Structure formats: structure tokens, C-alpha cells
């Protein structure tokens, strides 16, 4: 269950960012990343990439924490 949750969190972030790129949603991470890429602002591309990785890791840890808490309460 935990490994499935980890995989789902990673894929949901990737698909969400891809949807923002395709939909051209203004003021979104995907749009800002594509805009920086098109204008060859490599510093911004790396910065947005780091932000995406940090957010993804944070939510992954949050979901895993909640699931582990739920499993530990269910077993008592």
C-alpha cells in the first residue's frame, strides 16, 4: 500500500504539471516552467524544477505519514 501511494504521488505531480503545460494555465508551475524554457532562462528552469521536486517530496512524505498513522491506529 505504501509503495503504491508513493508511485501515485509521483505520477500525479507529473501528470498535473503536464496538464498545466498543455492547457497553458497562467500563473501555474507548468506554465512558468515552459515560459522559462522557451525564453532560454536556464536559471528559472532549474529553480522551477527544484520547486517541483521539493513540493513532490513534501506531499509524498505527508501522504506516507498519514497512511502510516492510519495503519498504526487500525492495528491497535
Protein backbone atom coordinates (compact mmCIF):
# COMPACT_ATOMS: atom_id res chain seq x y z
CA UNK A 1 0.00 0.00 0.00
CA UNK A 2 2.78 2.43 0.89
CA UNK A 3 4.74 1.80 -2.30
CA UNK A 4 1.56 2.27 -4.34
CA UNK A 5 0.94 5.59 -2.59
CA UNK A 6 4.49 6.73 -3.36
CA UNK A 7 4.09 5.82 -7.01
CA UNK A 8 0.71 7.52 -7.25
CA UNK A 9 2.04 10.75 -5.75
CA UNK A 10 4.91 10.89 -8.24
CA UNK A 11 2.68 10.23 -11.21
CA UNK A 12 0.03 12.70 -10.07
CA UNK A 13 2.58 15.52 -9.91
CA UNK A 14 3.98 14.66 -13.33
CA UNK A 15 0.54 14.48 -14.93
CA UNK A 16 -0.60 17.66 -13.20
CA UNK A 17 2.38 19.65 -14.45
CA UNK A 18 1.94 18.17 -17.95
CA UNK A 19 -1.73 19.20 -17.91
CA UNK A 20 -0.73 22.74 -16.98
CA UNK A 21 1.73 22.78 -19.89
CA UNK A 22 -0.88 21.57 -22.38
CA UNK A 23 -3.67 23.78 -21.06
CA UNK A 24 -1.45 26.88 -20.81
CA UNK A 25 -2.83 27.73 -17.36
CA UNK A 26 -1.42 31.13 -16.47
CA UNK A 27 0.44 31.52 -13.16
CA UNK A 28 0.90 27.77 -12.78
CA UNK A 29 4.15 25.90 -12.26
CA UNK A 30 3.87 24.18 -15.63
CA UNK A 31 3.27 27.42 -17.50
CA UNK A 32 6.13 29.18 -15.74
CA UNK A 33 8.44 26.26 -16.47
CA UNK A 34 7.52 26.24 -20.17
CA UNK A 35 7.84 30.02 -20.41
CA UNK A 36 11.32 29.89 -18.88
CA UNK A 37 12.29 27.02 -21.19
CA UNK A 38 11.09 28.81 -24.32
CA UNK A 39 12.90 32.02 -23.39
CA UNK A 40 16.07 30.03 -22.53
CA UNK A 41 16.14 31.18 -18.90
CA UNK A 42 18.04 28.17 -17.58
CA UNK A 43 18.27 29.53 -14.05
CA UNK A 44 14.49 29.75 -13.89
CA UNK A 45 14.10 26.28 -15.40
CA UNK A 46 16.32 24.82 -12.68
CA UNK A 47 14.55 26.85 -9.99
CA UNK A 48 11.09 25.66 -11.09
CA UNK A 49 12.42 22.11 -11.31
CA UNK A 50 13.72 22.30 -7.75
CA UNK A 51 10.39 23.71 -6.58
CA UNK A 52 8.53 20.85 -8.26
CA UNK A 53 10.84 18.25 -6.71
CA UNK A 54 10.53 19.82 -3.25
CA UNK A 55 6.72 20.01 -3.43
CA UNK A 56 6.51 16.46 -4.73
CA UNK A 57 8.71 15.15 -1.92
CA UNK A 58 6.79 17.11 0.72
CA UNK A 59 3.42 15.75 -0.37
CA UNK A 60 4.84 12.24 -0.72
CA UNK A 61 6.11 12.37 2.87
CA UNK A 62 2.81 13.84 4.04
CA UNK A 63 0.76 11.07 2.42
CA UNK A 64 3.09 8.36 3.73
CA UNK A 65 2.89 9.86 7.23
CA UNK A 66 -0.91 9.90 7.13
CA UNK A 67 -1.05 6.33 5.82
CA UNK A 68 1.39 5.06 8.45
CA UNK A 69 -0.64 6.77 11.18
CA UNK A 70 -3.80 5.17 9.82
CA UNK A 71 -2.21 1.73 9.72
CA UNK A 72 -0.83 2.03 13.24
CA UNK A 73 -4.23 3.11 14.64
CA UNK A 74 -6.00 0.30 12.79
CA UNK A 75 -3.73 -2.36 14.27
CA UNK A 76 -4.25 -1.35 17.92
